[in-house]
PDB file of N, CA and C in Angstrom:
ATOM      1  N   MET A   1      98.977 102.505  76.399  1.00  0.00           N
ATOM      2  CA  MET A   1      98.422 101.297  75.891  1.00  0.00           C
ATOM      3  C   MET A   1      98.352 101.288  74.381  1.00  0.00           C
ATOM      4  N   PRO A   2      98.657 100.239  73.669  1.00  0.00           N
ATOM      5  CA  PRO A   2      98.687 100.207  72.181  1.00  0.00           C
ATOM      6  C   PRO A   2      97.252 100.459  71.579  1.00  0.00           C
ATOM      7  N   ASP A   3      96.221 100.113  72.294  1.00  0.00           N
ATOM      8  CA  ASP A   3      94.908 100.198  71.501  1.00  0.00           C
ATOM      9  C   ASP A   3      93.868 100.917  72.185  1.00  0.00           C
ATOM     10  N   HIS A   4      94.302 101.606  73.331  1.00  0.00           N
ATOM     11  CA  HIS A   4      93.289 102.548  73.981  1.00  0.00           C
ATOM     12  C   HIS A   4      93.981 103.446  74.961  1.00  0.00           C
ATOM     13  N   VAL A   5      93.194 104.378  75.456  1.00  0.00           N
ATOM     14  CA  VAL A   5      93.861 105.441  76.307  1.00  0.00           C
ATOM     15  C   VAL A   5      92.877 105.548  77.510  1.00  0.00           C
ATOM     16  N   HIS A   6      93.509 105.713  78.710  1.00  0.00           N
ATOM     17  CA  HIS A   6      92.856 106.052  79.804  1.00  0.00           C
ATOM     18  C   HIS A   6      93.315 107.479  80.284  1.00  0.00           C
ATOM     19  N   LEU A   7      92.194 108.323  80.623  1.00  0.00           N
ATOM     20  CA  LEU A   7      92.543 109.656  81.111  1.00  0.00           C
ATOM     21  C   LEU A   7      91.846 109.828  82.467  1.00  0.00           C
ATOM     22  N   LEU A   8      92.550 110.438  83.347  1.00  0.00           N
ATOM     23  CA  LEU A   8      91.874 110.791  84.622  1.00  0.00           C
ATOM     24  C   LEU A   8      91.878 112.344  84.680  1.00  0.00           C
ATOM     25  N   LEU A   9      90.678 112.851  84.547  1.00  0.00           N
ATOM     26  CA  LEU A   9      90.491 114.275  84.321  1.00  0.00           C
ATOM     27  C   LEU A   9      89.640 114.964  85.543  1.00  0.00           C
ATOM     28  N   ARG A  10      89.992 116.145  85.808  1.00  0.00           N
ATOM     29  CA  ARG A  10      89.228 116.917  86.793  1.00  0.00           C
ATOM     30  C   ARG A  10      88.676 118.102  85.977  1.00  0.00           C
ATOM     31  N   LEU A  11      87.425 118.332  85.989  1.00  0.00           N
ATOM     32  CA  LEU A  11      86.816 119.484  85.225  1.00  0.00           C
ATOM     33  C   LEU A  11      87.072 120.798  86.022  1.00  0.00           C
ATOM     34  N   ASP A  12      87.343 121.909  85.230  1.00  0.00           N
ATOM     35  CA  ASP A  12      87.814 123.091  85.890  1.00  0.00           C
ATOM     36  C   ASP A  12      86.696 123.957  86.490  1.00  0.00           C
ATOM     37  N   GLY A  13      85.481 123.601  86.170  1.00  0.00           N
ATOM     38  CA  GLY A  13      84.280 124.383  86.733  1.00  0.00           C
ATOM     39  C   GLY A  13      84.047 125.716  85.935  1.00  0.00           C
ATOM     40  N   GLU A  14      84.678 125.851  84.876  1.00  0.00           N
ATOM     41  CA  GLU A  14      84.521 127.052  83.992  1.00  0.00           C
ATOM     42  C   GLU A  14      83.689 126.805  82.795  1.00  0.00           C
ATOM     43  N   GLY A  15      82.762 125.806  82.946  1.00  0.00           N
ATOM     44  CA  GLY A  15      81.823 125.577  81.984  1.00  0.00           C
ATOM     45  C   GLY A  15      82.229 124.659  80.782  1.00  0.00           C
ATOM     46  N   ARG A  16      83.422 124.186  80.834  1.00  0.00           N
ATOM     47  CA  ARG A  16      83.910 123.172  79.814  1.00  0.00           C
ATOM     48  C   ARG A  16      83.457 121.845  80.126  1.00  0.00           C
ATOM     49  N   THR A  17      83.139 121.054  79.135  1.00  0.00           N
ATOM     50  CA  THR A  17      82.563 119.760  79.382  1.00  0.00           C
ATOM     51  C   THR A  17      83.665 118.682  79.264  1.00  0.00           C
ATOM     52  N   LEU A  18      83.289 117.471  79.647  1.00  0.00           N
ATOM     53  CA  LEU A  18      84.189 116.370  79.389  1.00  0.00           C
ATOM     54  C   LEU A  18      84.530 116.229  77.892  1.00  0.00           C
ATOM     55  N   ALA A  19      83.451 116.299  77.109  1.00  0.00           N
ATOM     56  CA  ALA A  19      83.653 116.164  75.719  1.00  0.00           C
ATOM     57  C   ALA A  19      84.660 117.266  75.169  1.00  0.00           C
ATOM     58  N   ASP A  20      84.624 118.466  75.720  1.00  0.00           N
ATOM     59  CA  ASP A  20      85.549 119.584  75.264  1.00  0.00           C
ATOM     60  C   ASP A  20      87.024 119.040  75.485  1.00  0.00           C
ATOM     61  N   TYR A  21      87.187 118.528  76.717  1.00  0.00           N
ATOM     62  CA  TYR A  21      88.550 118.176  76.983  1.00  0.00           C
ATOM     63  C   TYR A  21      88.910 116.959  76.049  1.00  0.00           C
ATOM     64  N   VAL A  22      88.135 115.968  75.954  1.00  0.00           N
ATOM     65  CA  VAL A  22      88.422 114.819  75.149  1.00  0.00           C
ATOM     66  C   VAL A  22      88.725 115.258  73.656  1.00  0.00           C
ATOM     67  N   ASN A  23      87.874 116.172  73.065  1.00  0.00           N
ATOM     68  CA  ASN A  23      88.151 116.643  71.787  1.00  0.00           C
ATOM     69  C   ASN A  23      89.423 117.357  71.673  1.00  0.00           C
ATOM     70  N   VAL A  24      89.782 118.211  72.606  1.00  0.00           N
ATOM     71  CA  VAL A  24      91.079 118.862  72.568  1.00  0.00           C
ATOM     72  C   VAL A  24      92.302 117.828  72.638  1.00  0.00           C
ATOM     73  N   TRP A  25      92.152 116.886  73.503  1.00  0.00           N
ATOM     74  CA  TRP A  25      93.140 115.927  73.627  1.00  0.00           C
ATOM     75  C   TRP A  25      93.352 115.107  72.387  1.00  0.00           C
ATOM     76  N   LYS A  26      92.266 114.648  71.769  1.00  0.00           N
ATOM     77  CA  LYS A  26      92.369 113.852  70.498  1.00  0.00           C
ATOM     78  C   LYS A  26      92.933 114.687  69.394  1.00  0.00           C
ATOM     79  N   GLY A  27      92.533 116.004  69.287  1.00  0.00           N
ATOM     80  CA  GLY A  27      93.125 116.879  68.338  1.00  0.00           C
ATOM     81  C   GLY A  27      94.627 117.096  68.483  1.00  0.00           C
ATOM     82  N   LEU A  28      95.057 117.352  69.741  1.00  0.00           N
ATOM     83  CA  LEU A  28      96.463 117.571  69.946  1.00  0.00           C
ATOM     84  C   LEU A  28      97.339 116.319  69.555  1.00  0.00           C
ATOM     85  N   TRP A  29      96.878 115.113  69.950  1.00  0.00           N
ATOM     86  CA  TRP A  29      97.547 113.930  69.545  1.00  0.00           C
ATOM     87  C   TRP A  29      97.517 113.563  68.132  1.00  0.00           C
ATOM     88  N   THR A  30      96.380 113.855  67.541  1.00  0.00           N
ATOM     89  CA  THR A  30      96.235 113.587  66.117  1.00  0.00           C
ATOM     90  C   THR A  30      97.217 114.411  65.345  1.00  0.00           C
ATOM     91  N   ARG A  31      97.414 115.603  65.627  1.00  0.00           N
ATOM     92  CA  ARG A  31      98.387 116.425  65.019  1.00  0.00           C
ATOM     93  C   ARG A  31      99.851 116.005  65.340  1.00  0.00           C
ATOM     94  N   ARG A  32     100.079 115.656  66.603  1.00  0.00           N
ATOM     95  CA  ARG A  32     101.388 115.219  67.039  1.00  0.00           C
ATOM     96  C   ARG A  32     101.868 114.000  66.414  1.00  0.00           C
ATOM     97  N   LEU A  33     100.918 113.068  66.152  1.00  0.00           N
ATOM     98  CA  LEU A  33     101.200 111.725  65.650  1.00  0.00           C
ATOM     99  C   LEU A  33     101.187 111.795  64.119  1.00  0.00           C
ATOM    100  N   ALA A  34     100.840 112.924  63.529  1.00  0.00           N
ATOM    101  CA  ALA A  34     100.687 113.061  62.110  1.00  0.00           C
ATOM    102  C   ALA A  34      99.881 111.901  61.443  1.00  0.00           C
ATOM    103  N   VAL A  35      98.781 111.717  61.878  1.00  0.00           N
ATOM    104  CA  VAL A  35      97.829 110.556  61.515  1.00  0.00           C
ATOM    105  C   VAL A  35      97.318 110.915  60.160  1.00  0.00           C
ATOM    106  N   PRO A  36      97.490 110.097  59.121  1.00  0.00           N
ATOM    107  CA  PRO A  36      96.799 110.303  57.834  1.00  0.00           C
ATOM    108  C   PRO A  36      95.384 110.441  57.945  1.00  0.00           C
ATOM    109  N   SER A  37      94.834 111.407  57.059  1.00  0.00           N
ATOM    110  CA  SER A  37      93.432 111.735  57.118  1.00  0.00           C
ATOM    111  C   SER A  37      92.442 110.842  56.451  1.00  0.00           C
ATOM    112  N   GLU A  38      93.004 109.809  55.717  1.00  0.00           N
ATOM    113  CA  GLU A  38      92.064 108.899  54.975  1.00  0.00           C
ATOM    114  C   GLU A  38      91.011 108.139  55.737  1.00  0.00           C
ATOM    115  N   SER A  39      91.456 107.804  56.974  1.00  0.00           N
ATOM    116  CA  SER A  39      90.557 107.056  57.892  1.00  0.00           C
ATOM    117  C   SER A  39      90.582 107.640  59.220  1.00  0.00           C
ATOM    118  N   PRO A  40      89.461 107.501  59.997  1.00  0.00           N
ATOM    119  CA  PRO A  40      89.442 107.950  61.359  1.00  0.00           C
ATOM    120  C   PRO A  40      90.451 107.306  62.197  1.00  0.00           C
ATOM    121  N   PHE A  41      91.203 107.992  63.056  1.00  0.00           N
ATOM    122  CA  PHE A  41      92.080 107.407  63.967  1.00  0.00           C
ATOM    123  C   PHE A  41      91.460 107.094  65.414  1.00  0.00           C
ATOM    124  N   TRP A  42      90.625 107.984  65.666  1.00  0.00           N
ATOM    125  CA  TRP A  42      89.930 107.848  67.061  1.00  0.00           C
ATOM    126  C   TRP A  42      88.480 107.501  66.784  1.00  0.00           C
ATOM    127  N   GLN A  43      87.819 106.748  67.639  1.00  0.00           N
ATOM    128  CA  GLN A  43      86.406 106.377  67.685  1.00  0.00           C
ATOM    129  C   GLN A  43      85.713 107.777  67.980  1.00  0.00           C
ATOM    130  N   ARG A  44      84.324 107.808  67.449  1.00  0.00           N
ATOM    131  CA  ARG A  44      83.619 109.049  67.577  1.00  0.00           C
ATOM    132  C   ARG A  44      83.379 109.375  69.111  1.00  0.00           C
ATOM    133  N   SER A  45      82.909 108.348  69.859  1.00  0.00           N
ATOM    134  CA  SER A  45      82.640 108.746  71.287  1.00  0.00           C
ATOM    135  C   SER A  45      83.739 108.194  72.216  1.00  0.00           C
ATOM    136  N   PHE A  46      83.251 108.240  73.503  1.00  0.00           N
ATOM    137  CA  PHE A  46      84.156 107.704  74.411  1.00  0.00           C
ATOM    138  C   PHE A  46      83.415 107.175  75.638  1.00  0.00           C
ATOM    139  N   TYR A  47      84.017 106.307  76.500  1.00  0.00           N
ATOM    140  CA  TYR A  47      83.462 105.764  77.626  1.00  0.00           C
ATOM    141  C   TYR A  47      83.895 106.609  78.785  1.00  0.00           C
ATOM    142  N   ASP A  48      82.932 106.976  79.641  1.00  0.00           N
ATOM    143  CA  ASP A  48      83.399 107.779  80.834  1.00  0.00           C
ATOM    144  C   ASP A  48      82.737 107.044  82.071  1.00  0.00           C
ATOM    145  N   HIS A  49      83.410 107.502  83.126  1.00  0.00           N
ATOM    146  CA  HIS A  49      82.934 107.064  84.480  1.00  0.00           C
ATOM    147  C   HIS A  49      83.163 108.195  85.483  1.00  0.00           C
ATOM    148  N   TRP A  50      82.073 108.594  86.093  1.00  0.00           N
ATOM    149  CA  TRP A  50      82.211 109.755  86.990  1.00  0.00           C
ATOM    150  C   TRP A  50      82.539 109.052  88.417  1.00  0.00           C
ATOM    151  N   MET A  51      83.567 109.740  88.998  1.00  0.00           N
ATOM    152  CA  MET A  51      83.961 109.116  90.315  1.00  0.00           C
ATOM    153  C   MET A  51      83.408 109.863  91.412  1.00  0.00           C
ATOM    154  N   ARG A  52      83.237 109.087  92.501  1.00  0.00           N
ATOM    155  CA  ARG A  52      82.681 109.753  93.716  1.00  0.00           C
ATOM    156  C   ARG A  52      83.906 110.195  94.522  1.00  0.00           C
ATOM    157  N   LYS A  53      83.692 111.146  95.395  1.00  0.00           N
ATOM    158  CA  LYS A  53      84.861 111.529  96.322  1.00  0.00           C
ATOM    159  C   LYS A  53      85.471 110.396  96.862  1.00  0.00           C
ATOM    160  N   GLY A  54      86.777 110.328  96.817  1.00  0.00           N
ATOM    161  CA  GLY A  54      87.591 109.281  97.573  1.00  0.00           C
ATOM    162  C   GLY A  54      87.863 108.148  96.575  1.00  0.00           C
ATOM    163  N   GLU A  55      87.286 108.107  95.344  1.00  0.00           N
ATOM    164  CA  GLU A  55      87.500 107.003  94.464  1.00  0.00           C
ATOM    165  C   GLU A  55      88.832 107.288  93.645  1.00  0.00           C
ATOM    166  N   ASP A  56      89.152 108.598  93.542  1.00  0.00           N
ATOM    167  CA  ASP A  56      90.294 109.001  92.581  1.00  0.00           C
ATOM    168  C   ASP A  56      91.592 108.217  92.735  1.00  0.00           C
ATOM    169  N   ALA A  57      92.032 107.935  93.942  1.00  0.00           N
ATOM    170  CA  ALA A  57      93.241 107.253  94.076  1.00  0.00           C
ATOM    171  C   ALA A  57      93.123 105.780  93.608  1.00  0.00           C
ATOM    172  N   GLU A  58      92.025 105.156  93.899  1.00  0.00           N
ATOM    173  CA  GLU A  58      91.797 103.659  93.323  1.00  0.00           C
ATOM    174  C   GLU A  58      91.840 103.656  91.874  1.00  0.00           C
ATOM    175  N   TYR A  59      91.157 104.699  91.095  1.00  0.00           N
ATOM    176  CA  TYR A  59      91.151 104.706  89.685  1.00  0.00           C
ATOM    177  C   TYR A  59      92.517 105.108  89.181  1.00  0.00           C
ATOM    178  N   ALA A  60      93.138 105.998  89.812  1.00  0.00           N
ATOM    179  CA  ALA A  60      94.435 106.487  89.290  1.00  0.00           C
ATOM    180  C   ALA A  60      95.471 105.272  89.359  1.00  0.00           C
ATOM    181  N   ARG A  61      95.391 104.487  90.360  1.00  0.00           N
ATOM    182  CA  ARG A  61      96.222 103.251  90.430  1.00  0.00           C
ATOM    183  C   ARG A  61      95.877 102.293  89.363  1.00  0.00           C
ATOM    184  N   TYR A  62      94.617 102.069  89.112  1.00  0.00           N
ATOM    185  CA  TYR A  62      94.134 101.088  88.113  1.00  0.00           C
ATOM    186  C   TYR A  62      94.717 101.596  86.594  1.00  0.00           C
ATOM    187  N   ILE A  63      94.460 102.994  86.474  1.00  0.00           N
ATOM    188  CA  ILE A  63      95.023 103.445  85.230  1.00  0.00           C
ATOM    189  C   ILE A  63      96.547 103.401  84.996  1.00  0.00           C
ATOM    190  N   ALA A  64      97.192 103.682  86.068  1.00  0.00           N
ATOM    191  CA  ALA A  64      98.675 103.678  86.043  1.00  0.00           C
ATOM    192  C   ALA A  64      99.206 102.265  85.851  1.00  0.00           C
ATOM    193  N   ASP A  65      98.634 101.289  86.490  1.00  0.00           N
ATOM    194  CA  ASP A  65      98.989  99.946  86.511  1.00  0.00           C
ATOM    195  C   ASP A  65      98.592  99.132  85.217  1.00  0.00           C
ATOM    196  N   ASN A  66      97.755  99.796  84.424  1.00  0.00           N
ATOM    197  CA  ASN A  66      97.240  99.048  83.095  1.00  0.00           C
ATOM    198  C   ASN A  66      98.439  98.508  82.264  1.00  0.00           C
ATOM    199  N   PRO A  67      99.485  99.260  81.968  1.00  0.00           N
ATOM    200  CA  PRO A  67     100.503  98.793  81.134  1.00  0.00           C
ATOM    201  C   PRO A  67     101.354  97.634  81.830  1.00  0.00           C
ATOM    202  N   THR A  68     101.433  97.667  83.177  1.00  0.00           N
ATOM    203  CA  THR A  68     102.044  96.619  83.912  1.00  0.00           C
ATOM    204  C   THR A  68     101.121  95.336  83.852  1.00  0.00           C
ATOM    205  N   ARG A  69      99.885  95.426  84.061  1.00  0.00           N
ATOM    206  CA  ARG A  69      98.955  94.217  83.971  1.00  0.00           C
ATOM    207  C   ARG A  69      99.145  93.591  82.616  1.00  0.00           C
ATOM    208  N   LYS A  70      99.238  94.512  81.604  1.00  0.00           N
ATOM    209  CA  LYS A  70      99.216  93.926  80.131  1.00  0.00           C
ATOM    210  C   LYS A  70     100.666  93.388  79.866  1.00  0.00           C
ATOM    211  N   GLY A  71     101.515  93.556  80.702  1.00  0.00           N
ATOM    212  CA  GLY A  71     103.058  92.950  80.559  1.00  0.00           C
ATOM    213  C   GLY A  71     103.881  93.846  79.596  1.00  0.00           C
ATOM    214  N   LEU A  72     103.486  95.079  79.332  1.00  0.00           N
ATOM    215  CA  LEU A  72     104.260  95.967  78.558  1.00  0.00           C
ATOM    216  C   LEU A  72     105.495  96.556  79.303  1.00  0.00           C
ATOM    217  N   VAL A  73     105.442  96.717  80.557  1.00  0.00           N
ATOM    218  CA  VAL A  73     106.491  97.198  81.371  1.00  0.00           C
ATOM    219  C   VAL A  73     106.568  96.571  82.765  1.00  0.00           C
ATOM    220  N   ALA A  74     107.553  96.687  83.482  1.00  0.00           N
ATOM    221  CA  ALA A  74     107.784  96.048  84.752  1.00  0.00           C
ATOM    222  C   ALA A  74     107.027  96.957  85.803  1.00  0.00           C
ATOM    223  N   ARG A  75     107.353  98.283  85.622  1.00  0.00           N
ATOM    224  CA  ARG A  75     106.677  99.223  86.587  1.00  0.00           C
ATOM    225  C   ARG A  75     105.837 100.310  85.792  1.00  0.00           C
ATOM    226  N   TRP A  76     104.806 100.790  86.381  1.00  0.00           N
ATOM    227  CA  TRP A  76     103.875 101.745  85.611  1.00  0.00           C
ATOM    228  C   TRP A  76     104.607 102.940  85.051  1.00  0.00           C
ATOM    229  N   ASN A  77     105.632 103.422  85.922  1.00  0.00           N
ATOM    230  CA  ASN A  77     106.261 104.739  85.419  1.00  0.00           C
ATOM    231  C   ASN A  77     107.354 104.496  84.384  1.00  0.00           C
ATOM    232  N   ASP A  78     107.530 103.252  83.915  1.00  0.00           N
ATOM    233  CA  ASP A  78     108.417 102.847  82.884  1.00  0.00           C
ATOM    234  C   ASP A  78     107.792 102.993  81.505  1.00  0.00           C
ATOM    235  N   HIS A  79     106.399 103.071  81.475  1.00  0.00           N
ATOM    236  CA  HIS A  79     105.737 103.179  80.233  1.00  0.00           C
ATOM    237  C   HIS A  79     105.829 104.571  79.674  1.00  0.00           C
ATOM    238  N   PRO A  80     106.260 104.771  78.410  1.00  0.00           N
ATOM    239  CA  PRO A  80     106.712 106.002  77.834  1.00  0.00           C
ATOM    240  C   PRO A  80     105.479 107.062  77.806  1.00  0.00           C
ATOM    241  N   PHE A  81     104.261 106.559  77.799  1.00  0.00           N
ATOM    242  CA  PHE A  81     103.088 107.550  77.656  1.00  0.00           C
ATOM    243  C   PHE A  81     102.368 107.788  78.896  1.00  0.00           C
ATOM    244  N   THR A  82     102.934 107.393  80.036  1.00  0.00           N
ATOM    245  CA  THR A  82     102.393 107.593  81.299  1.00  0.00           C
ATOM    246  C   THR A  82     102.733 109.029  81.757  1.00  0.00           C
ATOM    247  N   ARG A  83     101.685 109.847  82.086  1.00  0.00           N
ATOM    248  CA  ARG A  83     101.877 111.153  82.507  1.00  0.00           C
ATOM    249  C   ARG A  83     101.144 111.357  83.750  1.00  0.00           C
ATOM    250  N   VAL A  84     101.721 112.077  84.635  1.00  0.00           N
ATOM    251  CA  VAL A  84     101.018 112.369  85.883  1.00  0.00           C
ATOM    252  C   VAL A  84     100.001 113.619  85.799  1.00  0.00           C
ATOM    253  N   TYR A  85     100.540 114.672  85.059  1.00  0.00           N
ATOM    254  CA  TYR A  85      99.558 115.842  84.977  1.00  0.00           C
ATOM    255  C   TYR A  85     100.038 116.478  83.690  1.00  0.00           C
ATOM    256  N   VAL A  86      99.030 116.810  82.819  1.00  0.00           N
ATOM    257  CA  VAL A  86      99.216 117.541  81.638  1.00  0.00           C
ATOM    258  C   VAL A  86      98.050 118.447  81.443  1.00  0.00           C
ATOM    259  N   PRO A  87      98.133 119.741  81.578  1.00  0.00           N
ATOM    260  CA  PRO A  87      97.023 120.686  81.391  1.00  0.00           C
ATOM    261  C   PRO A  87      96.652 120.706  79.919  1.00  0.00           C
ATOM    262  N   LEU A  88      95.387 120.764  79.553  1.00  0.00           N
ATOM    263  CA  LEU A  88      94.835 120.771  78.277  1.00  0.00           C
ATOM    264  C   LEU A  88      94.363 122.050  77.796  1.00  0.00           C
ATOM    265  N   LEU A  89      93.625 122.637  78.646  1.00  0.00           N
ATOM    266  CA  LEU A  89      92.877 123.871  78.239  1.00  0.00           C
ATOM    267  C   LEU A  89      93.302 124.979  79.187  1.00  0.00           C
TER     268      LEU A  89
END
């Protein structure tokens, strides 16, 4: 999406928090995009939603279909930034 990001994460149970994952992700992409340091690229916080067991497929579909609903692509997997699994830590 051009103005926001959806991430579907599963915590590893080794003491890392959701904020740890988000901070690592933001840092990796900030370096990769070579964002100038004059102004913040990311907002300070993030919105999260904890899923109950069995909700993951519904939310995964919602996230994957977001570029399609916005008319950016015809199929979710045509979007260049759609990834199924990327380990961060």
